[in-house]
PDB file of N, CA and C in Angstrom:
ATOM      1  N   UNK A   1      -5.367  20.120  12.219  1.00  0.00           N
ATOM      2  CA  UNK A   1      -6.197  19.158  11.501  1.00  0.00           C
ATOM      3  C   UNK A   1      -6.770  18.185  12.531  1.00  0.00           C
ATOM      4  N   UNK A   2      -8.068  17.963  12.434  1.00  0.00           N
ATOM      5  CA  UNK A   2      -8.720  17.081  13.403  1.00  0.00           C
ATOM      6  C   UNK A   2      -8.342  15.620  13.169  1.00  0.00           C
ATOM      7  N   UNK A   3      -8.501  14.835  14.196  1.00  0.00           N
ATOM      8  CA  UNK A   3      -8.197  13.406  14.115  1.00  0.00           C
ATOM      9  C   UNK A   3      -9.088  12.729  13.071  1.00  0.00           C
ATOM     10  N   UNK A   4     -10.327  13.157  12.993  1.00  0.00           N
ATOM     11  CA  UNK A   4     -11.262  12.572  12.020  1.00  0.00           C
ATOM     12  C   UNK A   4     -10.780  12.810  10.589  1.00  0.00           C
ATOM     13  N   UNK A   5     -10.321  14.006  10.314  1.00  0.00           N
ATOM     14  CA  UNK A   5      -9.813  14.340   8.977  1.00  0.00           C
ATOM     15  C   UNK A   5      -8.583  13.494   8.657  1.00  0.00           C
ATOM     16  N   UNK A   6      -7.714  13.297   9.637  1.00  0.00           N
ATOM     17  CA  UNK A   6      -6.533  12.464   9.427  1.00  0.00           C
ATOM     18  C   UNK A   6      -6.930  11.043   9.044  1.00  0.00           C
ATOM     19  N   UNK A   7      -7.940  10.520   9.724  1.00  0.00           N
ATOM     20  CA  UNK A   7      -8.423   9.166   9.425  1.00  0.00           C
ATOM     21  C   UNK A   7      -8.995   9.121   8.012  1.00  0.00           C
ATOM     22  N   UNK A   8      -9.762  10.138   7.648  1.00  0.00           N
ATOM     23  CA  UNK A   8     -10.341  10.198   6.300  1.00  0.00           C
ATOM     24  C   UNK A   8      -9.244  10.268   5.238  1.00  0.00           C
ATOM     25  N   UNK A   9      -8.233  11.079   5.481  1.00  0.00           N
ATOM     26  CA  UNK A   9      -7.143  11.203   4.509  1.00  0.00           C
ATOM     27  C   UNK A   9      -6.378   9.891   4.372  1.00  0.00           C
ATOM     28  N   UNK A  10      -6.198   9.196   5.476  1.00  0.00           N
ATOM     29  CA  UNK A  10      -5.510   7.910   5.431  1.00  0.00           C
ATOM     30  C   UNK A  10      -6.330   6.902   4.620  1.00  0.00           C
ATOM     31  N   UNK A  11      -7.630   6.897   4.833  1.00  0.00           N
ATOM     32  CA  UNK A  11      -8.510   5.990   4.086  1.00  0.00           C
ATOM     33  C   UNK A  11      -8.520   6.353   2.605  1.00  0.00           C
ATOM     34  N   UNK A  12      -8.537   7.639   2.294  1.00  0.00           N
ATOM     35  CA  UNK A  12      -8.510   8.071   0.906  1.00  0.00           C
ATOM     36  C   UNK A  12      -7.208   7.643   0.239  1.00  0.00           C
ATOM     37  N   UNK A  13      -6.094   7.780   0.945  1.00  0.00           N
ATOM     38  CA  UNK A  13      -4.801   7.356   0.407  1.00  0.00           C
ATOM     39  C   UNK A  13      -4.799   5.856   0.124  1.00  0.00           C
ATOM     40  N   UNK A  14      -5.422   5.096   0.988  1.00  0.00           N
ATOM     41  CA  UNK A  14      -5.525   3.647   0.784  1.00  0.00           C
ATOM     42  C   UNK A  14      -6.316   3.346  -0.484  1.00  0.00           C
ATOM     43  N   UNK A  15      -7.419   4.045  -0.662  1.00  0.00           N
ATOM     44  CA  UNK A  15      -8.249   3.835  -1.851  1.00  0.00           C
ATOM     45  C   UNK A  15      -7.504   4.238  -3.126  1.00  0.00           C
ATOM     46  N   UNK A  16      -6.758   5.313  -3.070  1.00  0.00           N
ATOM     47  CA  UNK A  16      -5.962   5.725  -4.233  1.00  0.00           C
ATOM     48  C   UNK A  16      -4.887   4.692  -4.545  1.00  0.00           C
ATOM     49  N   UNK A  17      -4.256   4.153  -3.509  1.00  0.00           N
ATOM     50  CA  UNK A  17      -3.212   3.152  -3.703  1.00  0.00           C
ATOM     51  C   UNK A  17      -3.762   1.919  -4.400  1.00  0.00           C
ATOM     52  N   UNK A  18      -4.966   1.505  -4.043  1.00  0.00           N
ATOM     53  CA  UNK A  18      -5.592   0.352  -4.694  1.00  0.00           C
ATOM     54  C   UNK A  18      -5.751   0.620  -6.183  1.00  0.00           C
ATOM     55  N   UNK A  19      -6.233   1.801  -6.540  1.00  0.00           N
ATOM     56  CA  UNK A  19      -6.405   2.157  -7.954  1.00  0.00           C
ATOM     57  C   UNK A  19      -5.062   2.171  -8.682  1.00  0.00           C
ATOM     58  N   UNK A  20      -4.045   2.715  -8.045  1.00  0.00           N
ATOM     59  CA  UNK A  20      -2.722   2.785  -8.665  1.00  0.00           C
ATOM     60  C   UNK A  20      -2.147   1.381  -8.862  1.00  0.00           C
ATOM     61  N   UNK A  21      -2.382   0.492  -7.915  1.00  0.00           N
ATOM     62  CA  UNK A  21      -1.894  -0.886  -8.052  1.00  0.00           C
ATOM     63  C   UNK A  21      -2.556  -1.587  -9.247  1.00  0.00           C
ATOM     64  N   UNK A  22      -3.839  -1.357  -9.437  1.00  0.00           N
ATOM     65  CA  UNK A  22      -4.532  -1.944 -10.589  1.00  0.00           C
ATOM     66  C   UNK A  22      -3.981  -1.353 -11.885  1.00  0.00           C
ATOM     67  N   UNK A  23      -3.801  -0.043 -11.906  1.00  0.00           N
ATOM     68  CA  UNK A  23      -3.232   0.609 -13.088  1.00  0.00           C
ATOM     69  C   UNK A  23      -1.838   0.064 -13.382  1.00  0.00           C
ATOM     70  N   UNK A  24      -1.089  -0.220 -12.344  1.00  0.00           N
ATOM     71  CA  UNK A  24       0.247  -0.789 -12.512  1.00  0.00           C
ATOM     72  C   UNK A  24       0.186  -2.178 -13.148  1.00  0.00           C
ATOM     73  N   UNK A  25      -0.800  -2.971 -12.740  1.00  0.00           N
ATOM     74  CA  UNK A  25      -0.984  -4.285 -13.367  1.00  0.00           C
ATOM     75  C   UNK A  25      -1.258  -4.137 -14.861  1.00  0.00           C
ATOM     76  N   UNK A  26      -2.124  -3.184 -15.198  1.00  0.00           N
ATOM     77  CA  UNK A  26      -2.431  -2.927 -16.605  1.00  0.00           C
ATOM     78  C   UNK A  26      -1.164  -2.506 -17.344  1.00  0.00           C
ATOM     79  N   UNK A  27      -0.410  -1.611 -16.747  1.00  0.00           N
ATOM     80  CA  UNK A  27       0.834  -1.142 -17.355  1.00  0.00           C
ATOM     81  C   UNK A  27       1.797  -2.301 -17.603  1.00  0.00           C
ATOM     82  N   UNK A  28       1.928  -3.175 -16.614  1.00  0.00           N
ATOM     83  CA  UNK A  28       2.842  -4.314 -16.758  1.00  0.00           C
ATOM     84  C   UNK A  28       2.426  -5.221 -17.915  1.00  0.00           C
ATOM     85  N   UNK A  29       1.132  -5.438 -18.049  1.00  0.00           N
ATOM     86  CA  UNK A  29       0.655  -6.260 -19.165  1.00  0.00           C
ATOM     87  C   UNK A  29       0.993  -5.586 -20.487  1.00  0.00           C
ATOM     88  N   UNK A  30       0.700  -4.299 -20.589  1.00  0.00           N
ATOM     89  CA  UNK A  30       0.968  -3.565 -21.829  1.00  0.00           C
ATOM     90  C   UNK A  30       2.459  -3.579 -22.156  1.00  0.00           C
ATOM     91  N   UNK A  31       3.281  -3.401 -21.158  1.00  0.00           N
ATOM     92  CA  UNK A  31       4.728  -3.338 -21.375  1.00  0.00           C
ATOM     93  C   UNK A  31       5.354  -4.709 -21.653  1.00  0.00           C
ATOM     94  N   UNK A  32       4.855  -5.758 -20.980  1.00  0.00           N
ATOM     95  CA  UNK A  32       5.594  -7.019 -20.980  1.00  0.00           C
ATOM     96  C   UNK A  32       4.882  -8.211 -21.610  1.00  0.00           C
ATOM     97  N   UNK A  33       3.577  -8.318 -21.409  1.00  0.00           N
ATOM     98  CA  UNK A  33       2.921  -9.585 -21.775  1.00  0.00           C
ATOM     99  C   UNK A  33       1.610  -9.380 -22.528  1.00  0.00           C
ATOM    100  N   UNK A  34       1.514  -8.300 -23.253  1.00  0.00           N
ATOM    101  CA  UNK A  34       0.256  -7.970 -23.925  1.00  0.00           C
ATOM    102  C   UNK A  34      -0.281  -9.122 -24.772  1.00  0.00           C
ATOM    103  N   UNK A  35       0.572  -9.731 -25.554  1.00  0.00           N
ATOM    104  CA  UNK A  35       0.104 -10.750 -26.498  1.00  0.00           C
ATOM    105  C   UNK A  35      -0.318 -12.041 -25.805  1.00  0.00           C
ATOM    106  N   UNK A  36       0.061 -12.197 -24.568  1.00  0.00           N
ATOM    107  CA  UNK A  36      -0.322 -13.389 -23.811  1.00  0.00           C
ATOM    108  C   UNK A  36      -1.480 -13.086 -22.859  1.00  0.00           C
ATOM    109  N   UNK A  37      -1.425 -11.937 -22.203  1.00  0.00           N
ATOM    110  CA  UNK A  37      -2.380 -11.615 -21.134  1.00  0.00           C
ATOM    111  C   UNK A  37      -3.416 -10.561 -21.516  1.00  0.00           C
ATOM    112  N   UNK A  38      -3.558 -10.275 -22.793  1.00  0.00           N
ATOM    113  CA  UNK A  38      -4.511  -9.244 -23.228  1.00  0.00           C
ATOM    114  C   UNK A  38      -5.930  -9.530 -22.729  1.00  0.00           C
ATOM    115  N   UNK A  39      -6.259 -10.812 -22.533  1.00  0.00           N
ATOM    116  CA  UNK A  39      -7.612 -11.174 -22.107  1.00  0.00           C
ATOM    117  C   UNK A  39      -7.902 -10.744 -20.662  1.00  0.00           C
ATOM    118  N   UNK A  40      -6.894 -10.350 -19.906  1.00  0.00           N
ATOM    119  CA  UNK A  40      -7.088  -9.861 -18.535  1.00  0.00           C
ATOM    120  C   UNK A  40      -7.486  -8.381 -18.508  1.00  0.00           C
ATOM    121  N   UNK A  41      -7.302  -7.708 -19.628  1.00  0.00           N
ATOM    122  CA  UNK A  41      -7.506  -6.262 -19.666  1.00  0.00           C
ATOM    123  C   UNK A  41      -8.937  -5.817 -19.352  1.00  0.00           C
ATOM    124  N   UNK A  42      -9.979  -6.458 -19.900  1.00  0.00           N
ATOM    125  CA  UNK A  42     -11.324  -5.989 -19.573  1.00  0.00           C
ATOM    126  C   UNK A  42     -11.640  -6.047 -18.073  1.00  0.00           C
ATOM    127  N   UNK A  43     -11.267  -7.145 -17.423  1.00  0.00           N
ATOM    128  CA  UNK A  43     -11.537  -7.278 -15.987  1.00  0.00           C
ATOM    129  C   UNK A  43     -10.744  -6.250 -15.183  1.00  0.00           C
ATOM    130  N   UNK A  44      -9.469  -6.086 -15.509  1.00  0.00           N
ATOM    131  CA  UNK A  44      -8.660  -5.099 -14.801  1.00  0.00           C
ATOM    132  C   UNK A  44      -9.162  -3.686 -15.045  1.00  0.00           C
ATOM    133  N   UNK A  45      -9.587  -3.408 -16.261  1.00  0.00           N
ATOM    134  CA  UNK A  45     -10.120  -2.081 -16.575  1.00  0.00           C
ATOM    135  C   UNK A  45     -11.368  -1.784 -15.752  1.00  0.00           C
ATOM    136  N   UNK A  46     -12.235  -2.768 -15.629  1.00  0.00           N
ATOM    137  CA  UNK A  46     -13.455  -2.580 -14.836  1.00  0.00           C
ATOM    138  C   UNK A  46     -13.113  -2.382 -13.365  1.00  0.00           C
ATOM    139  N   UNK A  47     -12.151  -3.135 -12.855  1.00  0.00           N
ATOM    140  CA  UNK A  47     -11.720  -2.968 -11.465  1.00  0.00           C
ATOM    141  C   UNK A  47     -11.145  -1.568 -11.251  1.00  0.00           C
ATOM    142  N   UNK A  48     -10.393  -1.087 -12.227  1.00  0.00           N
ATOM    143  CA  UNK A  48      -9.809   0.244 -12.116  1.00  0.00           C
ATOM    144  C   UNK A  48     -10.890   1.320 -12.094  1.00  0.00           C
ATOM    145  N   UNK A  49     -11.862   1.192 -12.960  1.00  0.00           N
ATOM    146  CA  UNK A  49     -12.965   2.159 -12.991  1.00  0.00           C
ATOM    147  C   UNK A  49     -13.667   2.202 -11.636  1.00  0.00           C
ATOM    148  N   UNK A  50     -13.962   1.044 -11.093  1.00  0.00           N
ATOM    149  CA  UNK A  50     -14.646   0.966  -9.800  1.00  0.00           C
ATOM    150  C   UNK A  50     -13.787   1.574  -8.694  1.00  0.00           C
ATOM    151  N   UNK A  51     -12.501   1.245  -8.672  1.00  0.00           N
ATOM    152  CA  UNK A  51     -11.604   1.755  -7.629  1.00  0.00           C
ATOM    153  C   UNK A  51     -11.497   3.278  -7.679  1.00  0.00           C
ATOM    154  N   UNK A  52     -11.379   3.835  -8.878  1.00  0.00           N
ATOM    155  CA  UNK A  52     -11.275   5.292  -9.012  1.00  0.00           C
ATOM    156  C   UNK A  52     -12.595   5.955  -8.617  1.00  0.00           C
ATOM    157  N   UNK A  53     -13.701   5.400  -9.056  1.00  0.00           N
ATOM    158  CA  UNK A  53     -15.005   5.961  -8.686  1.00  0.00           C
ATOM    159  C   UNK A  53     -15.216   5.919  -7.175  1.00  0.00           C
ATOM    160  N   UNK A  54     -14.834   4.812  -6.539  1.00  0.00           N
ATOM    161  CA  UNK A  54     -14.983   4.710  -5.094  1.00  0.00           C
ATOM    162  C   UNK A  54     -14.099   5.727  -4.373  1.00  0.00           C
ATOM    163  N   UNK A  55     -12.872   5.888  -4.825  1.00  0.00           N
ATOM    164  CA  UNK A  55     -11.972   6.859  -4.214  1.00  0.00           C
ATOM    165  C   UNK A  55     -12.510   8.284  -4.379  1.00  0.00           C
ATOM    166  N   UNK A  56     -12.955   8.609  -5.581  1.00  0.00           N
ATOM    167  CA  UNK A  56     -13.496   9.948  -5.822  1.00  0.00           C
ATOM    168  C   UNK A  56     -14.763  10.196  -5.026  1.00  0.00           C
ATOM    169  N   UNK A  57     -15.608   9.202  -4.928  1.00  0.00           N
ATOM    170  CA  UNK A  57     -16.836   9.319  -4.155  1.00  0.00           C
ATOM    171  C   UNK A  57     -16.528   9.534  -2.672  1.00  0.00           C
ATOM    172  N   UNK A  58     -15.581   8.769  -2.152  1.00  0.00           N
ATOM    173  CA  UNK A  58     -15.174   8.921  -0.752  1.00  0.00           C
ATOM    174  C   UNK A  58     -14.626  10.317  -0.508  1.00  0.00           C
ATOM    175  N   UNK A  59     -13.781  10.784  -1.423  1.00  0.00           N
ATOM    176  CA  UNK A  59     -13.202  12.125  -1.291  1.00  0.00           C
ATOM    177  C   UNK A  59     -14.285  13.190  -1.251  1.00  0.00           C
ATOM    178  N   UNK A  60     -15.229  13.090  -2.150  1.00  0.00           N
ATOM    179  CA  UNK A  60     -16.315  14.067  -2.206  1.00  0.00           C
ATOM    180  C   UNK A  60     -17.198  13.984  -0.966  1.00  0.00           C
ATOM    181  N   UNK A  61     -17.529  12.769  -0.576  1.00  0.00           N
ATOM    182  CA  UNK A  61     -18.410  12.551   0.571  1.00  0.00           C
ATOM    183  C   UNK A  61     -17.800  13.111   1.872  1.00  0.00           C
ATOM    184  N   UNK A  62     -16.484  12.970   2.002  1.00  0.00           N
ATOM    185  CA  UNK A  62     -15.809  13.404   3.228  1.00  0.00           C
ATOM    186  C   UNK A  62     -15.283  14.830   3.135  1.00  0.00           C
ATOM    187  N   UNK A  63     -15.465  15.470   1.978  1.00  0.00           N
ATOM    188  CA  UNK A  63     -15.055  16.860   1.826  1.00  0.00           C
ATOM    189  C   UNK A  63     -13.547  17.061   1.845  1.00  0.00           C
ATOM    190  N   UNK A  64     -12.845  16.126   1.257  1.00  0.00           N
ATOM    191  CA  UNK A  64     -11.372  16.235   1.234  1.00  0.00           C
ATOM    192  C   UNK A  64     -10.890  17.003   0.019  1.00  0.00           C
TER     193      UNK A  64
END
């Protein structure tokens, strides 16, 4: 595996981790504080959509 591919895979993993962290925030709200923090859901949902789209776009662009 070339060094360039390794760098791309590392960057892709970073982008996936960001999406998973946002999803985890959503999960925590649903599990623990929905009735208090429900108003955070639209913003977090939009951030999650953007993070997943960016990760998928990067993956496609780099041929991973």
